[in-house]
Protein backbone atom coordinates (compact mmCIF):
# COMPACT_ATOMS: atom_id res chain seq x y z
CA UNK A 1 12.15 55.78 76.18
CA UNK A 2 12.08 55.99 79.82
CA UNK A 3 8.95 54.43 81.68
CA UNK A 4 6.86 57.33 83.32
CA UNK A 5 7.32 58.36 87.19
CA UNK A 6 4.48 56.29 88.78
CA UNK A 7 3.00 58.41 91.95
CA UNK A 8 3.23 56.09 94.97
CA UNK A 9 0.21 54.13 95.18
CA UNK A 10 -2.24 54.71 98.52
CA UNK A 11 -2.38 51.22 99.89
CA UNK A 12 -6.07 49.58 100.83
CA UNK A 13 -7.12 49.49 103.98
CA UNK A 14 -7.47 45.58 104.38
CA UNK A 15 -9.21 43.25 106.77
CA UNK A 16 -10.44 39.65 106.17
CA UNK A 17 -14.21 38.83 107.30
CA UNK A 18 -13.78 36.13 110.08
CA UNK A 19 -17.10 34.25 111.08
CA UNK A 20 -15.69 31.59 112.95
CA UNK A 21 -17.73 29.47 111.17
CA UNK A 22 -17.75 25.47 112.00
CA UNK A 23 -17.23 22.81 109.88
CA UNK A 24 -20.69 22.17 107.90
CA UNK A 25 -20.88 18.54 109.90
CA UNK A 26 -21.17 20.31 112.78
CA UNK A 27 -23.97 22.40 111.62
CA UNK A 28 -26.29 19.34 110.96
CA UNK A 29 -29.96 19.58 112.39
CA UNK A 30 -31.55 16.17 111.93
CA UNK A 31 -34.72 16.27 109.82
CA UNK A 32 -33.67 19.36 108.27
CA UNK A 33 -33.76 19.62 104.29
CA UNK A 34 -32.98 21.84 101.65
CA UNK A 35 -34.45 19.96 99.02
CA UNK A 36 -37.00 17.51 98.81
CA UNK A 37 -36.10 14.83 96.32
CA UNK A 38 -39.09 13.66 94.83
CA UNK A 39 -39.81 9.46 94.62
CA UNK A 40 -39.16 8.01 90.91
CA UNK A 41 -42.47 7.49 88.91
CA UNK A 42 -43.58 4.06 88.79
CA UNK A 43 -42.53 3.62 85.04
CA UNK A 44 -38.87 4.42 85.80
CA UNK A 45 -39.03 2.08 88.92
CA UNK A 46 -40.82 -0.77 86.47
CA UNK A 47 -38.17 -0.13 83.91
CA UNK A 48 -35.06 -0.48 86.14
CA UNK A 49 -36.11 -2.72 89.19
CA UNK A 50 -35.20 -2.47 92.57
CA UNK A 51 -31.68 -1.07 92.33
CA UNK A 52 -30.72 -1.17 95.81
CA UNK A 53 -31.79 -4.74 96.05
CA UNK A 54 -29.96 -6.10 92.86
CA UNK A 55 -26.97 -4.79 94.64
CA UNK A 56 -24.32 -7.10 96.03
CA UNK A 57 -24.47 -7.21 100.21
CA UNK A 58 -20.96 -6.10 100.08
CA UNK A 59 -21.83 -3.02 98.61
CA UNK A 60 -24.84 -2.14 100.54
CA UNK A 61 -24.85 0.26 103.23
CA UNK A 62 -25.07 -0.99 107.03
CA UNK A 63 -26.24 2.29 107.79
CA UNK A 64 -27.61 5.88 106.34
CA UNK A 65 -24.69 7.93 104.99
CA UNK A 66 -23.87 10.99 107.92
CA UNK A 67 -24.50 13.64 106.09
CA UNK A 68 -25.07 17.11 106.42
CA UNK A 69 -28.73 18.16 107.58
CA UNK A 70 -29.48 21.41 106.39
CA UNK A 71 -32.14 24.10 104.97
CA UNK A 72 -30.77 25.91 102.05
CA UNK A 73 -30.61 29.17 103.36
CA UNK A 74 -28.11 28.13 106.01
CA UNK A 75 -26.25 25.98 103.28
CA UNK A 76 -25.79 29.57 101.52
CA UNK A 77 -24.73 31.32 104.63
CA UNK A 78 -22.05 29.03 105.27
CA UNK A 79 -20.56 28.59 101.78
CA UNK A 80 -21.05 32.91 101.57
CA UNK A 81 -19.00 33.19 104.82
CA UNK A 82 -16.17 30.55 103.94
CA UNK A 83 -15.85 32.62 100.76
CA UNK A 84 -15.50 35.67 102.33
CA UNK A 85 -12.75 34.87 104.30
CA UNK A 86 -10.45 33.86 101.48
CA UNK A 87 -8.68 35.68 98.75
CA UNK A 88 -9.25 34.83 95.14
CA UNK A 89 -8.20 35.79 91.81
CA UNK A 90 -11.72 37.64 91.32
CA UNK A 91 -10.98 39.53 94.59
CA UNK A 92 -7.54 41.08 94.78
CA UNK A 93 -4.13 41.41 92.38
CA UNK A 94 -3.39 38.19 92.18
CA UNK A 95 0.23 38.33 90.11
CA UNK A 96 1.96 36.42 92.68
CA UNK A 97 0.74 33.11 91.71
CA UNK A 98 4.22 32.63 89.70
CA UNK A 99 4.34 29.53 87.37
CA UNK A 100 0.79 28.98 87.82
CA UNK A 101 -0.86 32.03 86.08
CA UNK A 102 -4.01 32.98 87.93
CA UNK A 103 -4.86 34.29 84.81
CA UNK A 104 -8.77 36.28 84.92
CA UNK A 105 -11.42 34.42 83.33
CA UNK A 106 -14.51 36.26 81.40
CA UNK A 107 -17.46 36.19 83.09
CA UNK A 108 -19.32 35.26 79.74
CA UNK A 109 -17.73 31.98 79.78
CA UNK A 110 -19.19 30.68 83.01
CA UNK A 111 -22.65 31.66 81.43
CA UNK A 112 -22.14 29.56 78.59
CA UNK A 113 -21.07 26.29 80.32
CA UNK A 114 -24.17 26.83 82.64
CA UNK A 115 -26.28 25.93 79.58
CA UNK A 116 -28.54 23.40 80.16
CA UNK A 117 -27.52 21.68 76.93
CA UNK A 118 -24.25 20.98 78.65
CA UNK A 119 -25.40 20.63 82.27
CA UNK A 120 -28.13 18.09 81.64
CA UNK A 121 -25.47 16.14 79.09
CA UNK A 122 -24.69 12.52 80.70
CA UNK A 123 -21.39 11.71 79.53
CA UNK A 124 -22.32 8.09 78.73
CA UNK A 125 -25.10 9.60 76.14
CA UNK A 126 -24.77 8.10 72.52
CA UNK A 127 -22.64 10.02 70.56
CA UNK A 128 -25.50 10.40 68.14
CA UNK A 129 -26.89 13.07 70.48
CA UNK A 130 -22.88 14.55 71.48
CA UNK A 131 -22.52 15.99 68.31
CA UNK A 132 -22.58 19.44 70.05
CA UNK A 133 -19.66 18.83 72.54
CA UNK A 134 -17.59 16.69 70.56
CA UNK A 135 -17.61 19.25 67.49
CA UNK A 136 -16.31 21.32 70.11
CA UNK A 137 -13.61 19.28 71.54
CA UNK A 138 -12.57 18.63 67.63
CA UNK A 139 -12.35 22.34 66.54
CA UNK A 140 -10.42 23.21 70.08
CA UNK A 141 -7.74 20.39 69.17
CA UNK A 142 -7.55 21.95 65.58
CA UNK A 143 -7.05 25.41 67.29
CA UNK A 144 -4.49 24.32 69.79
CA UNK A 145 -2.59 22.26 66.84
CA UNK A 146 -2.71 25.34 64.80
CA UNK A 147 -1.35 27.22 67.84
CA UNK A 148 1.51 24.64 68.78
CA UNK A 149 2.46 23.75 65.17
CA UNK A 150 1.84 20.16 66.09
CA UNK A 151 -0.23 17.46 63.88
CA UNK A 152 -2.29 16.25 66.43
CA UNK A 153 -3.56 16.97 69.80
CA UNK A 154 -5.74 15.59 72.80
CA UNK A 155 -7.48 17.38 75.52
CA UNK A 156 -8.33 14.27 77.90
CA UNK A 157 -6.01 15.22 80.60
CA UNK A 158 -7.27 16.94 83.88
CA UNK A 159 -4.34 19.59 84.56
CA UNK A 160 -0.19 20.23 83.42
CA UNK A 161 1.13 17.27 85.87
CA UNK A 162 -1.13 14.79 83.93
CA UNK A 163 -0.22 16.22 80.86
CA UNK A 164 3.25 15.71 81.44
CA UNK A 165 2.63 12.28 82.52
CA UNK A 166 0.69 11.75 79.53
CA UNK A 167 3.70 13.07 77.77
CA UNK A 168 6.11 10.82 79.13
CA UNK A 169 3.70 7.86 78.77
CA UNK A 170 3.82 8.31 74.58
CA UNK A 171 7.65 8.86 74.82
CA UNK A 172 7.89 5.53 76.82
CA UNK A 173 5.38 4.06 74.18
CA UNK A 174 7.23 5.25 71.02
CA UNK A 175 10.49 3.82 71.80
CA UNK A 176 9.01 0.54 72.87
CA UNK A 177 7.33 0.55 69.90
CA UNK A 178 11.00 0.91 68.02
CA UNK A 179 12.30 -1.91 70.18
CA UNK A 180 14.51 0.71 72.33
CA UNK A 181 12.58 0.75 75.31
CA UNK A 182 14.75 -0.57 77.67
CA UNK A 183 17.94 1.08 76.18
CA UNK A 184 16.56 4.18 76.60
CA UNK A 185 16.41 4.92 80.08
CA UNK A 186 17.16 8.02 80.92
CA UNK A 187 15.22 11.57 80.50
CA UNK A 188 17.22 14.70 81.05
CA UNK A 189 15.63 18.36 82.49
CA UNK A 190 16.48 21.70 83.97
CA UNK A 191 16.22 22.60 87.27
CA UNK A 192 14.42 25.96 86.37
CA UNK A 193 11.82 23.57 84.32
CA UNK A 194 8.85 22.79 85.89
CA UNK A 195 9.47 19.93 88.83
CA UNK A 196 6.40 17.45 87.31
CA UNK A 197 8.75 16.73 84.62
CA UNK A 198 11.38 15.39 86.50
CA UNK A 199 8.53 14.01 88.99
CA UNK A 200 6.67 12.07 85.92
CA UNK A 201 9.54 10.69 84.45
CA UNK A 202 10.70 9.23 87.67
CA UNK A 203 7.36 7.81 87.89
CA UNK A 204 7.51 6.15 84.97
CA UNK A 205 10.72 4.50 85.66
CA UNK A 206 13.29 7.03 84.30
CA UNK A 207 16.81 7.87 85.66
CA UNK A 208 16.43 11.89 85.88
CA UNK A 209 19.50 14.06 84.88
CA UNK A 210 18.85 17.53 85.85
CA UNK A 211 20.85 20.17 84.57
CA UNK A 212 21.95 23.56 85.89
CA UNK A 213 21.98 26.95 84.27
CA UNK A 214 24.98 28.81 83.02
CA UNK A 215 25.87 32.27 84.84
CA UNK A 216 23.45 34.29 83.22
CA UNK A 217 20.57 31.37 84.03
CA UNK A 218 20.32 30.03 80.69
CA UNK A 219 20.38 26.01 80.11
CA UNK A 220 23.54 24.92 79.36
CA UNK A 221 24.36 23.29 76.06
CA UNK A 222 27.30 22.18 77.16
CA UNK A 223 26.08 20.41 79.83
CA UNK A 224 23.58 18.69 77.56
CA UNK A 225 26.01 17.43 75.29
CA UNK A 226 27.97 15.86 78.27
CA UNK A 227 25.32 13.52 79.32
CA UNK A 228 23.18 12.87 76.36
CA UNK A 229 23.43 9.61 74.21
CA UNK A 230 21.75 6.55 72.89
CA UNK A 231 20.56 6.04 76.62
CA UNK A 232 18.61 9.34 76.49
CA UNK A 233 15.02 8.81 75.90
CA UNK A 234 13.94 12.24 76.06
CA UNK A 235 14.58 15.79 77.08
CA UNK A 236 11.73 17.80 78.83
CA UNK A 237 12.15 21.22 79.15
CA UNK A 238 10.26 24.14 79.89
CA UNK A 239 10.93 27.25 77.99
CA UNK A 240 10.89 29.94 78.92
CA UNK A 241 11.73 28.62 82.12
CA UNK A 242 10.17 29.51 85.61
CA UNK A 243 12.98 31.97 86.14
CA UNK A 244 11.13 33.78 82.94
CA UNK A 245 14.35 33.83 81.04
CA UNK A 246 13.68 32.31 77.25
CA UNK A 247 16.37 30.18 75.58
CA UNK A 248 17.15 31.04 72.39
CA UNK A 249 19.44 28.38 71.76
CA UNK A 250 16.47 25.75 72.13
CA UNK A 251 16.82 24.58 68.77
CA UNK A 252 20.00 23.62 69.16
CA UNK A 253 18.80 21.39 72.19
CA UNK A 254 15.92 19.61 70.33
CA UNK A 255 18.49 18.83 67.58
CA UNK A 256 20.77 17.29 70.16
CA UNK A 257 18.19 15.29 71.02
CA UNK A 258 17.47 13.85 67.70
CA UNK A 259 21.08 13.42 66.77
CA UNK A 260 20.65 10.65 69.34
CA UNK A 261 17.82 9.28 68.48
CA UNK A 262 15.77 10.93 71.73
CA UNK A 263 12.63 12.85 71.68
CA UNK A 264 12.16 16.56 72.82
CA UNK A 265 9.34 16.95 74.76
CA UNK A 266 8.25 21.24 75.29
CA UNK A 267 6.23 21.81 78.95
CA UNK A 268 4.50 25.25 77.62
CA UNK A 269 3.26 25.85 81.14
CA UNK A 270 4.57 29.50 80.82
CA UNK A 271 3.25 30.31 77.32
CA UNK A 272 1.09 33.23 78.16
CA UNK A 273 4.18 35.09 76.63
CA UNK A 274 4.67 33.54 73.40
CA UNK A 275 1.46 33.02 71.86
CA UNK A 276 1.53 33.92 68.35
CA UNK A 277 5.38 34.31 68.44
CA UNK A 278 7.02 30.83 68.94
CA UNK A 279 5.58 27.63 68.21
CA UNK A 280 6.79 24.28 69.84
CA UNK A 281 7.03 22.45 65.78
CA UNK A 282 8.85 25.16 64.45
CA UNK A 283 11.70 24.52 67.15
CA UNK A 284 11.42 21.09 66.49
CA UNK A 285 9.47 19.49 69.46
CA UNK A 286 8.01 16.06 69.09
CA UNK A 287 5.46 16.88 71.81
CA UNK A 288 4.45 19.72 73.83
CA UNK A 289 1.19 20.89 76.31
CA UNK A 290 -0.71 23.68 77.33
CA UNK A 291 -2.37 23.97 80.28
CA UNK A 292 -5.71 25.47 79.43
CA UNK A 293 -6.05 26.11 83.01
CA UNK A 294 -3.36 28.65 82.99
CA UNK A 295 -3.01 30.45 79.33
CA UNK A 296 -6.31 29.92 78.28
CA UNK A 297 -8.02 31.23 80.84
CA UNK A 298 -9.79 28.82 82.55
CA UNK A 299 -10.02 28.53 86.27
CA UNK A 300 -7.90 26.39 88.59
CA UNK A 301 -10.99 24.78 90.28
CA UNK A 302 -9.56 25.09 93.38
CA UNK A 303 -6.16 22.73 92.00
CA UNK A 304 -8.57 20.66 90.02
CA UNK A 305 -9.69 19.81 87.74
CA UNK A 306 -7.78 22.09 85.41
CA UNK A 307 -7.43 20.83 81.76
CA UNK A 308 -4.64 19.99 79.59
CA UNK A 309 -3.72 19.72 76.09
CA UNK A 310 -1.28 17.48 74.50
CA UNK A 311 -0.35 18.42 71.15
CA UNK A 312 2.03 15.53 69.15
CA UNK A 313 4.29 15.20 65.85
CA UNK A 314 2.65 13.12 63.35
CA UNK A 315 5.00 10.28 64.37
CA UNK A 316 3.34 10.72 67.65
CA UNK A 317 -0.38 10.80 66.93
CA UNK A 318 -0.87 7.03 67.03
CA UNK A 319 0.00 6.90 70.58
CA UNK A 320 -2.21 10.02 71.96
CA UNK A 321 -4.53 9.20 74.64
CA UNK A 322 -8.07 8.09 73.24
CA UNK A 323 -10.66 7.48 72.26
CA UNK A 324 -10.26 10.46 69.84
CA UNK A 325 -12.62 12.48 68.12
CA UNK A 326 -12.65 12.29 64.41
CA UNK A 327 -14.72 13.60 61.50
CA UNK A 328 -16.76 11.33 59.53
CA UNK A 329 -18.69 13.32 56.88
CA UNK A 330 -20.95 15.78 58.28
CA UNK A 331 -20.99 13.77 62.06
CA UNK A 332 -18.11 13.57 64.60
CA UNK A 333 -17.44 10.01 66.11
CA UNK A 334 -14.99 8.57 69.28
CA UNK A 335 -12.65 6.27 67.79
CA UNK A 336 -11.26 3.80 70.49
CA UNK A 337 -9.73 1.41 68.01
CA UNK A 338 -6.16 2.67 68.39
CA UNK A 339 -3.61 -0.36 68.89
CA UNK A 340 -0.97 1.88 69.98
CA UNK A 341 -2.55 4.49 72.22
CA UNK A 342 -1.45 4.74 75.77
CA UNK A 343 -5.08 4.37 76.67
CA UNK A 344 -7.32 6.86 78.82
CA UNK A 345 -5.97 9.18 81.26
CA UNK A 346 -8.87 10.83 82.36
CA UNK A 347 -12.83 9.88 82.46
CA UNK A 348 -14.88 10.47 79.22
CA UNK A 349 -14.06 13.22 77.69
CA UNK A 350 -11.83 15.12 79.93
CA UNK A 351 -12.90 18.46 82.05
CA UNK A 352 -15.53 19.65 79.45
CA UNK A 353 -16.73 22.98 81.15
CA UNK A 354 -12.84 24.50 80.79
CA UNK A 355 -12.47 22.91 77.42
CA UNK A 356 -16.08 25.32 76.58
CA UNK A 357 -14.48 28.45 78.28
CA UNK A 358 -11.04 27.95 76.27
CA UNK A 359 -12.71 27.58 73.04
CA UNK A 360 -14.82 30.65 73.76
CA UNK A 361 -11.52 32.54 74.75
CA UNK A 362 -9.82 31.31 71.56
CA UNK A 363 -12.63 32.36 69.56
CA UNK A 364 -13.17 36.07 71.09
CA UNK A 365 -9.64 36.71 70.72
CA UNK A 366 -9.00 35.31 67.51
CA UNK A 367 -5.16 34.95 65.98
CA UNK A 368 -4.32 39.20 66.54
CA UNK A 369 -5.90 38.41 69.73
CA UNK A 370 -3.94 35.54 70.85
CA UNK A 371 -0.53 37.75 69.64
CA UNK A 372 -1.94 40.63 72.07
CA UNK A 373 -2.34 38.64 75.08
CA UNK A 374 1.29 37.55 74.69
CA UNK A 375 2.51 40.67 73.76
CA UNK A 376 0.80 42.59 76.47
CA UNK A 377 1.91 39.79 79.08
CA UNK A 378 5.59 40.34 78.32
CA UNK A 379 5.03 44.12 78.38
CA UNK A 380 3.07 44.07 82.06
CA UNK A 381 5.92 41.84 83.25
CA UNK A 382 9.02 43.72 82.36
CA UNK A 383 7.10 46.88 83.96
CA UNK A 384 6.40 45.42 87.09
CA UNK A 385 10.25 43.92 86.91
CA UNK A 386 11.32 47.94 86.72
CA UNK A 387 8.79 48.32 89.60
CA UNK A 388 10.00 45.85 91.65
CA UNK A 389 13.80 46.48 91.30
CA UNK A 390 13.30 49.71 92.40
CA UNK A 391 12.80 48.45 96.04
CA UNK A 392 16.07 48.09 98.03
CA UNK A 393 16.84 44.55 99.07
CA UNK A 394 14.76 43.17 95.85
CA UNK A 395 17.03 41.52 93.04
CA UNK A 396 16.11 39.58 89.88
CA UNK A 397 19.43 36.95 89.51
CA UNK A 398 20.75 35.52 85.86
CA UNK A 399 20.23 37.64 82.83
CA UNK A 400 21.51 40.72 84.29
CA UNK A 401 19.80 43.98 82.33
CA UNK A 402 18.12 41.72 79.78
CA UNK A 403 14.54 41.14 79.67
CA UNK A 404 12.12 38.54 80.81
CA UNK A 405 9.18 36.62 79.06
CA UNK A 406 6.07 36.08 81.22
CA UNK A 407 7.32 36.31 84.79
CA UNK A 408 10.46 36.36 86.96
CA UNK A 409 11.87 34.74 89.98
CA UNK A 410 12.96 37.27 92.08
CA UNK A 411 14.77 37.15 95.37
CA UNK A 412 15.17 38.92 98.74
CA UNK A 413 18.63 37.78 99.94
CA UNK A 414 19.92 41.15 100.34
CA UNK A 415 16.81 42.32 102.38
CA UNK A 416 17.40 38.92 104.50
CA UNK A 417 20.77 39.53 104.86
CA UNK A 418 20.03 43.14 106.36
CA UNK A 419 17.32 42.46 108.47
CA UNK A 420 16.57 38.42 109.18
CA UNK A 421 12.85 38.55 107.21
CA UNK A 422 12.73 35.55 105.04
CA UNK A 423 10.65 35.71 101.57
CA UNK A 424 7.90 33.41 103.39
CA UNK A 425 7.44 35.78 106.15
CA UNK A 426 7.16 38.99 103.25
CA UNK A 427 4.63 37.15 101.80
CA UNK A 428 2.27 35.96 104.62
CA UNK A 429 2.61 40.14 105.36
CA UNK A 430 1.52 40.69 101.97
CA UNK A 431 -1.74 38.88 102.78
CA UNK A 432 -2.71 41.69 105.20
CA UNK A 433 -2.43 43.84 102.32
CA UNK A 434 -5.12 41.63 100.44
CA UNK A 435 -2.26 40.30 97.95
CA UNK A 436 -1.44 36.85 96.89
CA UNK A 437 2.35 35.95 97.01
CA UNK A 438 4.30 32.87 96.24
CA UNK A 439 7.72 32.04 96.61
CA UNK A 440 9.24 29.24 94.08
CA UNK A 441 9.20 25.29 94.03
CA UNK A 442 11.70 23.67 95.44
CA UNK A 443 14.71 23.51 95.67
CA UNK A 444 15.21 27.34 96.40
CA UNK A 445 17.79 27.48 93.83
CA UNK A 446 17.44 31.19 93.79
CA UNK A 447 17.55 32.24 97.50
CA UNK A 448 14.99 33.82 99.14
CA UNK A 449 12.82 33.98 96.09
CA UNK A 450 9.35 34.96 95.15
CA UNK A 451 8.16 34.54 91.61
CA UNK A 452 5.35 37.28 90.02
CA UNK A 453 3.67 36.48 87.10
CA UNK A 454 1.35 39.56 85.94
CA UNK A 455 -0.18 38.26 83.28
CA UNK A 456 -1.86 40.00 80.30
CA UNK A 457 -4.84 41.12 82.78
CA UNK A 458 -4.01 43.57 84.99
CA UNK A 459 -3.71 47.42 84.66
CA UNK A 460 -0.74 49.59 84.81
CA UNK A 461 -2.44 50.93 88.64
CA UNK A 462 -2.68 47.56 89.59
CA UNK A 463 0.92 46.43 89.14
CA UNK A 464 1.83 49.89 90.71
CA UNK A 465 -0.33 48.98 93.57
CA UNK A 466 1.21 45.38 94.06
CA UNK A 467 4.50 46.55 93.71
CA UNK A 468 4.02 49.44 96.62
CA UNK A 469 2.47 46.66 98.65
CA UNK A 470 5.86 44.88 98.43
CA UNK A 471 7.92 48.04 99.11
CA UNK A 472 5.58 48.53 101.84
CA UNK A 473 6.55 45.56 103.35
CA UNK A 474 10.50 45.41 102.82
CA UNK A 475 10.14 49.19 104.79
CA UNK A 476 8.65 47.36 107.65
CA UNK A 477 11.15 44.58 107.72
CA UNK A 478 13.49 47.28 108.41
CA UNK A 479 11.65 49.72 110.38
CA UNK A 480 9.29 47.29 112.43
CA UNK A 481 10.41 43.72 111.44
CA UNK A 482 8.16 42.21 114.56
CA UNK A 483 5.41 43.22 112.61
CA UNK A 484 6.07 41.42 109.47
CA UNK A 485 7.29 38.49 111.57
CA UNK A 486 3.89 37.88 113.51
CA UNK A 487 1.70 38.28 110.34
CA UNK A 488 -0.75 38.06 109.31
CA UNK A 489 -2.94 40.72 111.34
CA UNK A 490 -5.61 41.14 109.25
CA UNK A 491 -6.79 37.52 108.38
CA UNK A 492 -9.22 34.99 109.61
CA UNK A 493 -6.34 32.56 110.52
CA UNK A 494 -3.48 34.44 112.43
CA UNK A 495 0.32 33.70 112.50
CA UNK A 496 0.86 29.46 112.13
CA UNK A 497 3.70 27.52 112.82
CA UNK A 498 5.42 25.20 110.53
CA UNK A 499 5.51 22.40 113.21
CA UNK A 500 1.58 21.56 112.42
CA UNK A 501 2.15 21.43 108.56
CA UNK A 502 5.56 19.43 108.66
CA UNK A 503 4.25 16.69 111.11
CA UNK A 504 1.96 14.26 109.04
CA UNK A 505 0.38 12.66 112.49
CA UNK A 506 -1.33 16.33 113.00
CA UNK A 507 -3.01 16.25 109.58
CA UNK A 508 -6.48 15.61 109.33
CA UNK A 509 -7.50 16.37 106.01
CA UNK A 510 -11.24 15.36 106.04
CA UNK A 511 -14.02 15.24 108.59
CA UNK A 512 -14.05 11.64 109.49
CA UNK A 513 -10.14 11.84 109.96
CA UNK A 514 -10.49 14.73 111.92
CA UNK A 515 -12.82 12.89 114.19
CA UNK A 516 -10.77 10.33 114.67
CA UNK A 517 -7.90 11.65 115.51
CA UNK A 518 -8.95 14.24 118.10
CA UNK A 519 -12.21 13.31 119.37
CA UNK A 520 -11.83 9.37 119.56
């Protein structure tokens, strides 16, 4: 059955708000206050004493902290203006994040995490007074165990890369417990697996072997056979890979790892299209992780903290980070007495607000709903792929004529050779239409790449609009290339040069550093 012919979408007139807003430290007015904080009651002071006087001399401030002094209304205006100068997942069609999955998070979840029962809870409260949070963590771990097929789960990690680090730390601890820690000093990954697999293995002290795909983009099993052996600690792979291609021989890879005593680690950052369809343990994996801030709809929170979930087989369960939540009778307790655990990888219980969001999302959908999420994500992705491939100059390298799972790594190489306009320039111009766009991880194995991941959240009309923007920018690249080269035109910040970004001597990531570098 052929897809319906979509009408050419009307492109929105878009112009970003521009406030020329100063840094908040420059807006300070001495003596101005937003909130007058009352002094502690006499009984509190009597109970805890003079906290400042009890501090060692070296920890006491010599002068008052240089915090901005502003009234409430000015603070509100400041941050509202800054928000208007940004694109966001709630504001625009954000399918262009690719591999990072900027999925819509239902607003009911925000209402749940703002309940005073959660907001007012201190992470150092006695566990007897934290039964609700401990139960939620316990139940969410069992849900993730069922979704992955694994035996045990930890929700401590605060994002995808820390979850991958936790995977390699558990792998190392497992081999050390068997007396093979020194022997197994290599980790095998693939070029289209998430780069954090190679990065965390390298940071853990392993030699990293990176395998490239065959001509159709599938991980090369013969290349794996050539390098795997008794020196291999683990294979660390993503499936589907960041191209959107699912490796149908993944069980063969896992079996090869096990045949030499290595472990198999599954990076499930790209799990949007496989929920309820495939499970990590069914393919024999020993350890896997999910990014709750991707697949389970919790926000990235401006790059962090997100939330991760590490799931392991029974053999690796003793090595999970802790303490872990256990149910004893009708009570929940924290167990820190685990001698083989790799220890803490994040403070307290992990990022609890995002755990609440993920729990709510799963409970609202149920098992059938989770599978529907995957099916719609795959449908949306393949519909968008058809529309993108109708644009002259766009292509989808590898797996010719085959479907992809939940994303695609496309290429503008043909357009680049014709016009000289690069993928980065197209992405910048797309922001003039209010659209976000991402190229890919380095190195650019796919030339002039762009990676789109529509998830299940978007309608056909929104996908048509997104494809329409890219078609318009591709037309401009041919007919008015200078418009693309000098973009953005409708944004708060206009054209920037990479020289400013590539020279660390010019970076100033804090107000204090900015003052020191440019005003001292």
